PDB file of N, CA and C in Angstrom:
ATOM      1  N   MET A   1     151.515  68.562 -18.274  1.00  0.00           N
ATOM      2  CA  MET A   1     150.536  69.473 -18.827  1.00  0.00           C
ATOM      3  C   MET A   1     151.255  70.719 -19.314  1.00  0.00           C
ATOM      4  N   ALA A   2     150.989  71.104 -20.571  1.00  0.00           N
ATOM      5  CA  ALA A   2     151.614  72.287 -21.144  1.00  0.00           C
ATOM      6  C   ALA A   2     151.066  73.534 -20.469  1.00  0.00           C
ATOM      7  N   SER A   3     151.842  74.611 -20.505  1.00  0.00           N
ATOM      8  CA  SER A   3     151.419  75.830 -19.831  1.00  0.00           C
ATOM      9  C   SER A   3     150.104  76.355 -20.386  1.00  0.00           C
ATOM     10  N   SER A   4     149.866  76.218 -21.703  1.00  0.00           N
ATOM     11  CA  SER A   4     148.605  76.694 -22.261  1.00  0.00           C
ATOM     12  C   SER A   4     147.435  75.862 -21.742  1.00  0.00           C
ATOM     13  N   ASP A   5     147.679  74.578 -21.401  1.00  0.00           N
ATOM     14  CA  ASP A   5     146.634  73.722 -20.855  1.00  0.00           C
ATOM     15  C   ASP A   5     146.294  74.135 -19.427  1.00  0.00           C
ATOM     16  N   ALA A   6     147.215  74.809 -18.720  1.00  0.00           N
ATOM     17  CA  ALA A   6     146.997  75.202 -17.337  1.00  0.00           C
ATOM     18  C   ALA A   6     146.126  76.456 -17.223  1.00  0.00           C
ATOM     19  N   ASN A   7     145.816  77.095 -18.329  1.00  0.00           N
ATOM     20  CA  ASN A   7     145.003  78.300 -18.315  1.00  0.00           C
ATOM     21  C   ASN A   7     143.574  77.931 -17.905  1.00  0.00           C
ATOM     22  N   PRO A   8     143.084  78.426 -16.764  1.00  0.00           N
ATOM     23  CA  PRO A   8     141.741  78.057 -16.310  1.00  0.00           C
ATOM     24  C   PRO A   8     140.631  78.571 -17.228  1.00  0.00           C
ATOM     25  N   ALA A   9     140.939  79.514 -18.111  1.00  0.00           N
ATOM     26  CA  ALA A   9     139.936  80.031 -19.033  1.00  0.00           C
ATOM     27  C   ALA A   9     139.799  79.160 -20.284  1.00  0.00           C
ATOM     28  N   ARG A  10     140.738  78.245 -20.487  1.00  0.00           N
ATOM     29  CA  ARG A  10     140.668  77.356 -21.658  1.00  0.00           C
ATOM     30  C   ARG A  10     139.472  76.433 -21.497  1.00  0.00           C
ATOM     31  N   PRO A  11     138.558  76.403 -22.484  1.00  0.00           N
ATOM     32  CA  PRO A  11     137.348  75.588 -22.333  1.00  0.00           C
ATOM     33  C   PRO A  11     137.662  74.099 -22.346  1.00  0.00           C
ATOM     34  N   ALA A  12     136.911  73.367 -21.566  1.00  0.00           N
ATOM     35  CA  ALA A  12     137.069  71.911 -21.478  1.00  0.00           C
ATOM     36  C   ALA A  12     136.550  71.251 -22.755  1.00  0.00           C
ATOM     37  N   PRO A  13     137.006  70.032 -23.035  1.00  0.00           N
ATOM     38  CA  PRO A  13     136.461  69.286 -24.170  1.00  0.00           C
ATOM     39  C   PRO A  13     134.948  69.122 -24.021  1.00  0.00           C
ATOM     40  N   GLY A  14     134.269  69.108 -25.169  1.00  0.00           N
ATOM     41  CA  GLY A  14     132.827  68.885 -25.169  1.00  0.00           C
ATOM     42  C   GLY A  14     131.983  70.140 -25.170  1.00  0.00           C
ATOM     43  N   LEU A  15     132.611  71.317 -25.317  1.00  0.00           N
ATOM     44  CA  LEU A  15     131.859  72.565 -25.372  1.00  0.00           C
ATOM     45  C   LEU A  15     131.499  72.863 -26.831  1.00  0.00           C
ATOM     46  N   ARG A  16     130.215  73.110 -27.090  1.00  0.00           N
ATOM     47  CA  ARG A  16     129.790  73.496 -28.438  1.00  0.00           C
ATOM     48  C   ARG A  16     130.207  74.940 -28.673  1.00  0.00           C
ATOM     49  N   LEU A  17     130.958  75.177 -29.755  1.00  0.00           N
ATOM     50  CA  LEU A  17     131.426  76.521 -30.082  1.00  0.00           C
ATOM     51  C   LEU A  17     130.456  77.259 -30.999  1.00  0.00           C
ATOM     52  N   CYS A  18     129.985  76.579 -32.053  1.00  0.00           N
ATOM     53  CA  CYS A  18     129.078  77.200 -33.016  1.00  0.00           C
ATOM     54  C   CYS A  18     128.625  76.142 -34.013  1.00  0.00           C
ATOM     55  N   ALA A  19     127.699  76.511 -34.857  1.00  0.00           N
ATOM     56  CA  ALA A  19     127.331  75.648 -35.975  1.00  0.00           C
ATOM     57  C   ALA A  19     128.431  75.733 -37.031  1.00  0.00           C
ATOM     58  N   LEU A  20     128.712  74.639 -37.693  1.00  0.00           N
ATOM     59  CA  LEU A  20     129.723  74.634 -38.754  1.00  0.00           C
ATOM     60  C   LEU A  20     129.367  75.669 -39.816  1.00  0.00           C
ATOM     61  N   ALA A  21     128.097  75.805 -40.120  1.00  0.00           N
ATOM     62  CA  ALA A  21     127.646  76.750 -41.142  1.00  0.00           C
ATOM     63  C   ALA A  21     127.913  78.204 -40.771  1.00  0.00           C
ATOM     64  N   GLU A  22     128.201  78.499 -39.505  1.00  0.00           N
ATOM     65  CA  GLU A  22     128.508  79.865 -39.083  1.00  0.00           C
ATOM     66  C   GLU A  22     129.935  80.273 -39.432  1.00  0.00           C
ATOM     67  N   ILE A  23     130.736  79.329 -39.936  1.00  0.00           N
ATOM     68  CA  ILE A  23     132.103  79.631 -40.371  1.00  0.00           C
ATOM     69  C   ILE A  23     132.125  79.494 -41.885  1.00  0.00           C
ATOM     70  N   ALA A  24     132.544  80.549 -42.585  1.00  0.00           N
ATOM     71  CA  ALA A  24     132.603  80.518 -44.051  1.00  0.00           C
ATOM     72  C   ALA A  24     133.497  79.362 -44.510  1.00  0.00           C
ATOM     73  N   ASP A  25     133.347  78.956 -45.759  1.00  0.00           N
ATOM     74  CA  ASP A  25     134.149  77.871 -46.331  1.00  0.00           C
ATOM     75  C   ASP A  25     134.863  78.379 -47.579  1.00  0.00           C
ATOM     76  N   PRO A  26     136.170  78.649 -47.535  1.00  0.00           N
ATOM     77  CA  PRO A  26     137.033  78.598 -46.357  1.00  0.00           C
ATOM     78  C   PRO A  26     136.808  79.839 -45.497  1.00  0.00           C
ATOM     79  N   GLY A  27     137.111  79.681 -44.220  1.00  0.00           N
ATOM     80  CA  GLY A  27     136.929  80.797 -43.310  1.00  0.00           C
ATOM     81  C   GLY A  27     137.477  80.496 -41.940  1.00  0.00           C
ATOM     82  N   ALA A  28     137.279  81.429 -41.033  1.00  0.00           N
ATOM     83  CA  ALA A  28     137.789  81.285 -39.675  1.00  0.00           C
ATOM     84  C   ALA A  28     136.886  82.069 -38.723  1.00  0.00           C
ATOM     85  N   ARG A  29     136.940  81.672 -37.482  1.00  0.00           N
ATOM     86  CA  ARG A  29     136.178  82.368 -36.446  1.00  0.00           C
ATOM     87  C   ARG A  29     136.949  82.319 -35.142  1.00  0.00           C
ATOM     88  N   GLY A  30     137.011  83.457 -34.456  1.00  0.00           N
ATOM     89  CA  GLY A  30     137.712  83.544 -33.185  1.00  0.00           C
ATOM     90  C   GLY A  30     136.776  83.349 -32.010  1.00  0.00           C
ATOM     91  N   PHE A  31     137.343  82.873 -30.901  1.00  0.00           N
ATOM     92  CA  PHE A  31     136.587  82.632 -29.675  1.00  0.00           C
ATOM     93  C   PHE A  31     137.407  83.128 -28.494  1.00  0.00           C
ATOM     94  N   ARG A  32     136.744  83.763 -27.527  1.00  0.00           N
ATOM     95  CA  ARG A  32     137.402  84.263 -26.325  1.00  0.00           C
ATOM     96  C   ARG A  32     136.648  83.740 -25.107  1.00  0.00           C
ATOM     97  N   PHE A  33     137.402  83.312 -24.113  1.00  0.00           N
ATOM     98  CA  PHE A  33     136.828  82.814 -22.869  1.00  0.00           C
ATOM     99  C   PHE A  33     137.563  83.461 -21.707  1.00  0.00           C
ATOM    100  N   ARG A  34     136.821  83.835 -20.677  1.00  0.00           N
ATOM    101  CA  ARG A  34     137.420  84.479 -19.514  1.00  0.00           C
ATOM    102  C   ARG A  34     137.061  83.695 -18.260  1.00  0.00           C
ATOM    103  N   GLU A  35     138.049  83.561 -17.398  1.00  0.00           N
ATOM    104  CA  GLU A  35     137.859  82.955 -16.071  1.00  0.00           C
ATOM    105  C   GLU A  35     138.621  83.856 -15.109  1.00  0.00           C
ATOM    106  N   GLY A  36     137.891  84.685 -14.351  1.00  0.00           N
ATOM    107  CA  GLY A  36     138.554  85.648 -13.475  1.00  0.00           C
ATOM    108  C   GLY A  36     139.389  86.610 -14.305  1.00  0.00           C
ATOM    109  N   GLN A  37     140.675  86.693 -13.998  1.00  0.00           N
ATOM    110  CA  GLN A  37     141.584  87.568 -14.735  1.00  0.00           C
ATOM    111  C   GLN A  37     142.239  86.885 -15.930  1.00  0.00           C
ATOM    112  N   LYS A  38     142.007  85.590 -16.092  1.00  0.00           N
ATOM    113  CA  LYS A  38     142.634  84.829 -17.186  1.00  0.00           C
ATOM    114  C   LYS A  38     141.765  84.861 -18.433  1.00  0.00           C
ATOM    115  N   LEU A  39     142.414  84.936 -19.581  1.00  0.00           N
ATOM    116  CA  LEU A  39     141.741  84.941 -20.871  1.00  0.00           C
ATOM    117  C   LEU A  39     142.327  83.836 -21.734  1.00  0.00           C
ATOM    118  N   PHE A  40     141.463  83.111 -22.438  1.00  0.00           N
ATOM    119  CA  PHE A  40     141.909  82.166 -23.459  1.00  0.00           C
ATOM    120  C   PHE A  40     141.344  82.649 -24.782  1.00  0.00           C
ATOM    121  N   ALA A  41     142.215  82.791 -25.766  1.00  0.00           N
ATOM    122  CA  ALA A  41     141.806  83.193 -27.112  1.00  0.00           C
ATOM    123  C   ALA A  41     142.197  82.091 -28.083  1.00  0.00           C
ATOM    124  N   GLY A  42     141.235  81.645 -28.846  1.00  0.00           N
ATOM    125  CA  GLY A  42     141.489  80.624 -29.850  1.00  0.00           C
ATOM    126  C   GLY A  42     140.713  80.955 -31.108  1.00  0.00           C
ATOM    127  N   PHE A  43     141.044  80.250 -32.183  1.00  0.00           N
ATOM    128  CA  PHE A  43     140.284  80.418 -33.417  1.00  0.00           C
ATOM    129  C   PHE A  43     140.206  79.089 -34.142  1.00  0.00           C
ATOM    130  N   VAL A  44     139.181  78.987 -34.970  1.00  0.00           N
ATOM    131  CA  VAL A  44     138.929  77.777 -35.747  1.00  0.00           C
ATOM    132  C   VAL A  44     138.962  78.159 -37.219  1.00  0.00           C
ATOM    133  N   VAL A  45     139.678  77.374 -38.016  1.00  0.00           N
ATOM    134  CA  VAL A  45     139.668  77.554 -39.464  1.00  0.00           C
ATOM    135  C   VAL A  45     138.895  76.391 -40.083  1.00  0.00           C
ATOM    136  N   ARG A  46     138.212  76.694 -41.171  1.00  0.00           N
ATOM    137  CA  ARG A  46     137.400  75.689 -41.848  1.00  0.00           C
ATOM    138  C   ARG A  46     137.755  75.631 -43.321  1.00  0.00           C
ATOM    139  N   ARG A  47     137.833  74.428 -43.828  1.00  0.00           N
ATOM    140  CA  ARG A  47     137.920  74.171 -45.261  1.00  0.00           C
ATOM    141  C   ARG A  47     137.054  72.941 -45.500  1.00  0.00           C
ATOM    142  N   GLY A  48     135.921  73.123 -46.143  1.00  0.00           N
ATOM    143  CA  GLY A  48     134.971  72.029 -46.325  1.00  0.00           C
ATOM    144  C   GLY A  48     134.416  71.612 -44.972  1.00  0.00           C
ATOM    145  N   ASP A  49     134.417  70.312 -44.728  1.00  0.00           N
ATOM    146  CA  ASP A  49     133.939  69.801 -43.436  1.00  0.00           C
ATOM    147  C   ASP A  49     135.062  69.651 -42.427  1.00  0.00           C
ATOM    148  N   THR A  50     136.271  70.073 -42.804  1.00  0.00           N
ATOM    149  CA  THR A  50     137.435  69.951 -41.923  1.00  0.00           C
ATOM    150  C   THR A  50     137.615  71.237 -41.129  1.00  0.00           C
ATOM    151  N   VAL A  51     137.767  71.103 -39.813  1.00  0.00           N
ATOM    152  CA  VAL A  51     138.058  72.246 -38.951  1.00  0.00           C
ATOM    153  C   VAL A  51     139.331  71.965 -38.165  1.00  0.00           C
ATOM    154  N   ARG A  52     140.069  73.021 -37.899  1.00  0.00           N
ATOM    155  CA  ARG A  52     141.261  72.955 -37.055  1.00  0.00           C
ATOM    156  C   ARG A  52     141.235  74.152 -36.135  1.00  0.00           C
ATOM    157  N   GLY A  53     141.654  73.923 -34.906  1.00  0.00           N
ATOM    158  CA  GLY A  53     141.689  75.005 -33.938  1.00  0.00           C
ATOM    159  C   GLY A  53     143.109  75.339 -33.536  1.00  0.00           C
ATOM    160  N   PHE A  54     143.329  76.605 -33.231  1.00  0.00           N
ATOM    161  CA  PHE A  54     144.644  77.083 -32.806  1.00  0.00           C
ATOM    162  C   PHE A  54     144.480  78.114 -31.697  1.00  0.00           C
ATOM    163  N   VAL A  55     145.473  78.172 -30.831  1.00  0.00           N
ATOM    164  CA  VAL A  55     145.556  79.248 -29.849  1.00  0.00           C
ATOM    165  C   VAL A  55     145.868  80.521 -30.630  1.00  0.00           C
ATOM    166  N   ASP A  56     145.171  81.596 -30.329  1.00  0.00           N
ATOM    167  CA  ASP A  56     145.333  82.849 -31.068  1.00  0.00           C
ATOM    168  C   ASP A  56     146.548  83.613 -30.543  1.00  0.00           C
ATOM    169  N   SER A  57     147.720  83.119 -30.919  1.00  0.00           N
ATOM    170  CA  SER A  57     148.971  83.729 -30.474  1.00  0.00           C
ATOM    171  C   SER A  57     150.062  83.454 -31.503  1.00  0.00           C
ATOM    172  N   CYS A  58     150.694  84.506 -31.988  1.00  0.00           N
ATOM    173  CA  CYS A  58     151.786  84.359 -32.954  1.00  0.00           C
ATOM    174  C   CYS A  58     152.975  83.692 -32.261  1.00  0.00           C
ATOM    175  N   PRO A  59     153.539  82.642 -32.854  1.00  0.00           N
ATOM    176  CA  PRO A  59     154.690  81.986 -32.220  1.00  0.00           C
ATOM    177  C   PRO A  59     155.942  82.866 -32.196  1.00  0.00           C
ATOM    178  N   HIS A  60     155.977  83.902 -33.015  1.00  0.00           N
ATOM    179  CA  HIS A  60     157.130  84.796 -33.066  1.00  0.00           C
ATOM    180  C   HIS A  60     157.044  85.893 -32.000  1.00  0.00           C
ATOM    181  N   ALA A  61     155.855  86.518 -31.878  1.00  0.00           N
ATOM    182  CA  ALA A  61     155.746  87.688 -31.010  1.00  0.00           C
ATOM    183  C   ALA A  61     154.790  87.513 -29.832  1.00  0.00           C
ATOM    184  N   GLY A  62     153.924  86.500 -29.874  1.00  0.00           N
ATOM    185  CA  GLY A  62     152.998  86.257 -28.783  1.00  0.00           C
ATOM    186  C   GLY A  62     151.718  87.079 -28.827  1.00  0.00           C
ATOM    187  N   TRP A  63     151.577  87.953 -29.818  1.00  0.00           N
ATOM    188  CA  TRP A  63     150.360  88.744 -29.909  1.00  0.00           C
ATOM    189  C   TRP A  63     149.287  88.001 -30.701  1.00  0.00           C
ATOM    190  N   PRO A  64     148.016  88.437 -30.613  1.00  0.00           N
ATOM    191  CA  PRO A  64     146.961  87.798 -31.407  1.00  0.00           C
ATOM    192  C   PRO A  64     147.248  87.943 -32.901  1.00  0.00           C
ATOM    193  N   LEU A  65     146.825  86.953 -33.679  1.00  0.00           N
ATOM    194  CA  LEU A  65     147.094  86.964 -35.114  1.00  0.00           C
ATOM    195  C   LEU A  65     146.251  87.968 -35.874  1.00  0.00           C
ATOM    196  N   SER A  66     145.011  88.165 -35.456  1.00  0.00           N
ATOM    197  CA  SER A  66     144.099  89.018 -36.200  1.00  0.00           C
ATOM    198  C   SER A  66     143.837  90.320 -35.461  1.00  0.00           C
ATOM    199  N   ALA A  67     143.873  91.409 -36.204  1.00  0.00           N
ATOM    200  CA  ALA A  67     143.533  92.710 -35.621  1.00  0.00           C
ATOM    201  C   ALA A  67     142.024  92.942 -35.654  1.00  0.00           C
ATOM    202  N   LEU A  68     141.315  92.192 -36.487  1.00  0.00           N
ATOM    203  CA  LEU A  68     139.868  92.322 -36.630  1.00  0.00           C
ATOM    204  C   LEU A  68     139.210  90.979 -36.348  1.00  0.00           C
ATOM    205  N   ASP A  69     138.012  91.007 -35.785  1.00  0.00           N
ATOM    206  CA  ASP A  69     137.305  89.766 -35.484  1.00  0.00           C
ATOM    207  C   ASP A  69     137.211  88.862 -36.707  1.00  0.00           C
ATOM    208  N   ASP A  70     137.586  87.619 -36.514  1.00  0.00           N
ATOM    209  CA  ASP A  70     137.407  86.555 -37.496  1.00  0.00           C
ATOM    210  C   ASP A  70     138.191  86.744 -38.797  1.00  0.00           C
ATOM    211  N   ARG A  71     139.153  87.655 -38.842  1.00  0.00           N
ATOM    212  CA  ARG A  71     139.953  87.882 -40.051  1.00  0.00           C
ATOM    213  C   ARG A  71     141.308  87.204 -39.908  1.00  0.00           C
ATOM    214  N   TYR A  72     141.310  85.895 -39.991  1.00  0.00           N
ATOM    215  CA  TYR A  72     142.537  85.128 -39.800  1.00  0.00           C
ATOM    216  C   TYR A  72     143.153  84.643 -41.109  1.00  0.00           C
ATOM    217  N   LEU A  73     142.393  84.676 -42.197  1.00  0.00           N
ATOM    218  CA  LEU A  73     142.881  84.110 -43.456  1.00  0.00           C
ATOM    219  C   LEU A  73     143.265  85.204 -44.450  1.00  0.00           C
ATOM    220  N   THR A  74     144.164  84.823 -45.371  1.00  0.00           N
ATOM    221  CA  THR A  74     144.485  85.712 -46.479  1.00  0.00           C
ATOM    222  C   THR A  74     143.239  85.878 -47.340  1.00  0.00           C
ATOM    223  N   ARG A  75     143.222  86.879 -48.182  1.00  0.00           N
ATOM    224  CA  ARG A  75     142.037  87.152 -49.012  1.00  0.00           C
ATOM    225  C   ARG A  75     141.620  85.959 -49.856  1.00  0.00           C
ATOM    226  N   ASP A  76     142.593  85.164 -50.328  1.00  0.00           N
ATOM    227  CA  ASP A  76     142.248  83.999 -51.154  1.00  0.00           C
ATOM    228  C   ASP A  76     141.850  82.784 -50.311  1.00  0.00           C
ATOM    229  N   GLY A  77     141.933  82.911 -48.973  1.00  0.00           N
ATOM    230  CA  GLY A  77     141.528  81.828 -48.087  1.00  0.00           C
ATOM    231  C   GLY A  77     142.480  80.648 -48.045  1.00  0.00           C
ATOM    232  N   CYS A  78     143.692  80.831 -48.550  1.00  0.00           N
ATOM    233  CA  CYS A  78     144.646  79.718 -48.619  1.00  0.00           C
ATOM    234  C   CYS A  78     145.580  79.619 -47.414  1.00  0.00           C
ATOM    235  N   HIS A  79     145.800  80.723 -46.707  1.00  0.00           N
ATOM    236  CA  HIS A  79     146.738  80.736 -45.588  1.00  0.00           C
ATOM    237  C   HIS A  79     146.160  81.490 -44.396  1.00  0.00           C
ATOM    238  N   ILE A  80     146.663  81.146 -43.219  1.00  0.00           N
ATOM    239  CA  ILE A  80     146.399  81.921 -42.008  1.00  0.00           C
ATOM    240  C   ILE A  80     147.440  83.043 -42.002  1.00  0.00           C
ATOM    241  N   LEU A  81     147.023  84.245 -41.649  1.00  0.00           N
ATOM    242  CA  LEU A  81     147.887  85.421 -41.711  1.00  0.00           C
ATOM    243  C   LEU A  81     148.056  86.041 -40.337  1.00  0.00           C
ATOM    244  N   CYS A  82     149.286  86.384 -39.978  1.00  0.00           N
ATOM    245  CA  CYS A  82     149.533  87.190 -38.785  1.00  0.00           C
ATOM    246  C   CYS A  82     149.497  88.647 -39.225  1.00  0.00           C
ATOM    247  N   ALA A  83     148.483  89.381 -38.765  1.00  0.00           N
ATOM    248  CA  ALA A  83     148.325  90.778 -39.166  1.00  0.00           C
ATOM    249  C   ALA A  83     149.462  91.650 -38.643  1.00  0.00           C
ATOM    250  N   GLY A  84     150.142  91.217 -37.582  1.00  0.00           N
ATOM    251  CA  GLY A  84     151.210  92.014 -36.984  1.00  0.00           C
ATOM    252  C   GLY A  84     152.443  92.152 -37.839  1.00  0.00           C
ATOM    253  N   HIS A  85     152.852  91.065 -38.509  1.00  0.00           N
ATOM    254  CA  HIS A  85     154.064  91.151 -39.322  1.00  0.00           C
ATOM    255  C   HIS A  85     153.982  90.372 -40.625  1.00  0.00           C
ATOM    256  N   GLY A  86     152.798  89.917 -40.985  1.00  0.00           N
ATOM    257  CA  GLY A  86     152.603  89.308 -42.298  1.00  0.00           C
ATOM    258  C   GLY A  86     153.039  87.870 -42.439  1.00  0.00           C
ATOM    259  N   ALA A  87     153.343  87.186 -41.342  1.00  0.00           N
ATOM    260  CA  ALA A  87     153.718  85.775 -41.448  1.00  0.00           C
ATOM    261  C   ALA A  87     152.543  84.981 -42.017  1.00  0.00           C
ATOM    262  N   LEU A  88     152.865  83.955 -42.799  1.00  0.00           N
ATOM    263  CA  LEU A  88     151.852  83.093 -43.392  1.00  0.00           C
ATOM    264  C   LEU A  88     151.987  81.685 -42.837  1.00  0.00           C
ATOM    265  N   PHE A  89     150.841  81.086 -42.554  1.00  0.00           N
ATOM    266  CA  PHE A  89     150.785  79.730 -42.011  1.00  0.00           C
ATOM    267  C   PHE A  89     149.908  78.869 -42.896  1.00  0.00           C
ATOM    268  N   GLU A  90     150.310  77.621 -43.091  1.00  0.00           N
ATOM    269  CA  GLU A  90     149.448  76.655 -43.765  1.00  0.00           C
ATOM    270  C   GLU A  90     148.237  76.420 -42.873  1.00  0.00           C
ATOM    271  N   MET A  91     147.205  75.792 -43.421  1.00  0.00           N
ATOM    272  CA  MET A  91     145.998  75.523 -42.645  1.00  0.00           C
ATOM    273  C   MET A  91     146.249  74.505 -41.530  1.00  0.00           C
ATOM    274  N   ASP A  92     147.387  73.824 -41.555  1.00  0.00           N
ATOM    275  CA  ASP A  92     147.738  72.904 -40.462  1.00  0.00           C
ATOM    276  C   ASP A  92     148.554  73.595 -39.374  1.00  0.00           C
ATOM    277  N   GLY A  93     148.794  74.916 -39.533  1.00  0.00           N
ATOM    278  CA  GLY A  93     149.496  75.680 -38.512  1.00  0.00           C
ATOM    279  C   GLY A  93     150.981  75.873 -38.738  1.00  0.00           C
ATOM    280  N   ALA A  94     151.557  75.288 -39.798  1.00  0.00           N
ATOM    281  CA  ALA A  94     152.991  75.438 -40.070  1.00  0.00           C
ATOM    282  C   ALA A  94     153.271  76.805 -40.690  1.00  0.00           C
ATOM    283  N   CYS A  95     154.244  77.533 -40.138  1.00  0.00           N
ATOM    284  CA  CYS A  95     154.622  78.835 -40.681  1.00  0.00           C
ATOM    285  C   CYS A  95     155.510  78.629 -41.902  1.00  0.00           C
ATOM    286  N   VAL A  96     155.106  79.227 -43.025  1.00  0.00           N
ATOM    287  CA  VAL A  96     155.850  79.052 -44.269  1.00  0.00           C
ATOM    288  C   VAL A  96     156.502  80.338 -44.768  1.00  0.00           C
ATOM    289  N   ALA A  97     156.188  81.484 -44.136  1.00  0.00           N
ATOM    290  CA  ALA A  97     156.798  82.746 -44.542  1.00  0.00           C
ATOM    291  C   ALA A  97     156.742  83.730 -43.382  1.00  0.00           C
ATOM    292  N   GLY A  98     157.810  84.498 -43.241  1.00  0.00           N
ATOM    293  CA  GLY A  98     157.863  85.507 -42.187  1.00  0.00           C
ATOM    294  C   GLY A  98     158.887  85.144 -41.129  1.00  0.00           C
ATOM    295  N   PRO A  99     158.978  85.947 -40.074  1.00  0.00           N
ATOM    296  CA  PRO A  99     160.015  85.752 -39.063  1.00  0.00           C
ATOM    297  C   PRO A  99     159.871  84.473 -38.244  1.00  0.00           C
ATOM    298  N   CYS A 100     158.729  83.819 -38.329  1.00  0.00           N
ATOM    299  CA  CYS A 100     158.557  82.578 -37.573  1.00  0.00           C
ATOM    300  C   CYS A 100     158.596  81.352 -38.484  1.00  0.00           C
ATOM    301  N   ALA A 101     159.132  81.492 -39.699  1.00  0.00           N
ATOM    302  CA  ALA A 101     159.210  80.361 -40.636  1.00  0.00           C
ATOM    303  C   ALA A 101     159.843  79.163 -39.940  1.00  0.00           C
ATOM    304  N   GLY A 102     159.178  78.025 -40.066  1.00  0.00           N
ATOM    305  CA  GLY A 102     159.643  76.810 -39.419  1.00  0.00           C
ATOM    306  C   GLY A 102     158.936  76.541 -38.096  1.00  0.00           C
ATOM    307  N   ASP A 103     158.322  77.558 -37.497  1.00  0.00           N
ATOM    308  CA  ASP A 103     157.548  77.377 -36.263  1.00  0.00           C
ATOM    309  C   ASP A 103     156.138  76.926 -36.609  1.00  0.00           C
ATOM    310  N   ARG A 104     155.340  76.674 -35.583  1.00  0.00           N
ATOM    311  CA  ARG A 104     153.952  76.249 -35.765  1.00  0.00           C
ATOM    312  C   ARG A 104     153.055  77.011 -34.799  1.00  0.00           C
ATOM    313  N   LEU A 105     151.820  77.171 -35.207  1.00  0.00           N
ATOM    314  CA  LEU A 105     150.807  77.668 -34.279  1.00  0.00           C
ATOM    315  C   LEU A 105     150.531  76.580 -33.253  1.00  0.00           C
ATOM    316  N   THR A 106     150.127  76.972 -32.063  1.00  0.00           N
ATOM    317  CA  THR A 106     149.792  76.006 -31.015  1.00  0.00           C
ATOM    318  C   THR A 106     148.395  75.457 -31.286  1.00  0.00           C
ATOM    319  N   PRO A 107     148.261  74.129 -31.415  1.00  0.00           N
ATOM    320  CA  PRO A 107     146.936  73.565 -31.689  1.00  0.00           C
ATOM    321  C   PRO A 107     145.974  73.733 -30.521  1.00  0.00           C
ATOM    322  N   TRP A 108     144.717  73.858 -30.860  1.00  0.00           N
ATOM    323  CA  TRP A 108     143.606  73.858 -29.908  1.00  0.00           C
ATOM    324  C   TRP A 108     142.640  72.804 -30.427  1.00  0.00           C
ATOM    325  N   PRO A 109     142.533  71.661 -29.769  1.00  0.00           N
ATOM    326  CA  PRO A 109     141.737  70.561 -30.311  1.00  0.00           C
ATOM    327  C   PRO A 109     140.250  70.905 -30.439  1.00  0.00           C
ATOM    328  N   VAL A 110     139.757  70.814 -31.670  1.00  0.00           N
ATOM    329  CA  VAL A 110     138.344  71.004 -31.972  1.00  0.00           C
ATOM    330  C   VAL A 110     137.924  69.919 -32.958  1.00  0.00           C
ATOM    331  N   GLU A 111     136.621  69.743 -33.100  1.00  0.00           N
ATOM    332  CA  GLU A 111     136.109  68.782 -34.081  1.00  0.00           C
ATOM    333  C   GLU A 111     134.757  69.242 -34.601  1.00  0.00           C
ATOM    334  N   ALA A 112     134.466  68.843 -35.840  1.00  0.00           N
ATOM    335  CA  ALA A 112     133.143  69.058 -36.417  1.00  0.00           C
ATOM    336  C   ALA A 112     132.368  67.762 -36.215  1.00  0.00           C
ATOM    337  N   ARG A 113     131.173  67.908 -35.623  1.00  0.00           N
ATOM    338  CA  ARG A 113     130.346  66.730 -35.343  1.00  0.00           C
ATOM    339  C   ARG A 113     128.887  67.142 -35.432  1.00  0.00           C
ATOM    340  N   ASP A 114     128.119  66.401 -36.224  1.00  0.00           N
ATOM    341  CA  ASP A 114     126.670  66.628 -36.345  1.00  0.00           C
ATOM    342  C   ASP A 114     126.330  68.067 -36.698  1.00  0.00           C
ATOM    343  N   GLY A 115     127.141  68.681 -37.565  1.00  0.00           N
ATOM    344  CA  GLY A 115     126.866  70.039 -38.033  1.00  0.00           C
ATOM    345  C   GLY A 115     127.307  71.147 -37.098  1.00  0.00           C
ATOM    346  N   ASP A 116     127.990  70.798 -36.025  1.00  0.00           N
ATOM    347  CA  ASP A 116     128.474  71.786 -35.064  1.00  0.00           C
ATOM    348  C   ASP A 116     129.977  71.654 -34.872  1.00  0.00           C
ATOM    349  N   VAL A 117     130.587  72.684 -34.311  1.00  0.00           N
ATOM    350  CA  VAL A 117     132.015  72.660 -33.961  1.00  0.00           C
ATOM    351  C   VAL A 117     132.111  72.602 -32.452  1.00  0.00           C
ATOM    352  N   TRP A 118     132.907  71.658 -31.966  1.00  0.00           N
ATOM    353  CA  TRP A 118     133.051  71.375 -30.538  1.00  0.00           C
ATOM    354  C   TRP A 118     134.520  71.393 -30.126  1.00  0.00           C
ATOM    355  N   THR A 119     134.783  71.740 -28.874  1.00  0.00           N
ATOM    356  CA  THR A 119     136.125  71.538 -28.337  1.00  0.00           C
ATOM    357  C   THR A 119     136.314  70.038 -28.150  1.00  0.00           C
ATOM    358  N   ALA A 120     137.545  69.591 -28.344  1.00  0.00           N
ATOM    359  CA  ALA A 120     137.824  68.152 -28.258  1.00  0.00           C
ATOM    360  C   ALA A 120     138.874  67.876 -27.189  1.00  0.00           C
TER     361      ALA A 120
END
């Protein structure tokens, strides 16, 4: 089990996060969960009916990617942006520019089902 999986605040599979329509297309939405002193932060990006989830942590510095709620994408909606140092990530989580080029965001399994977004 990976260390991020050991976080007791990480939601179990099968939790409804939101309606798919609550995430812009393209767009993103952040989620926070707390269990005691532990916090899990994740976000979901959407393009059409496709959603992908990631742990909200820059692979270069470990800080959250967005300084503002739900502002994870570049203005054109083509890339995920790290607000801390401007790194750019493809929608699949691969870093293509910045100090973490070649690294990847940590996946957080989610799925779109019956018009809703769920943890998987």
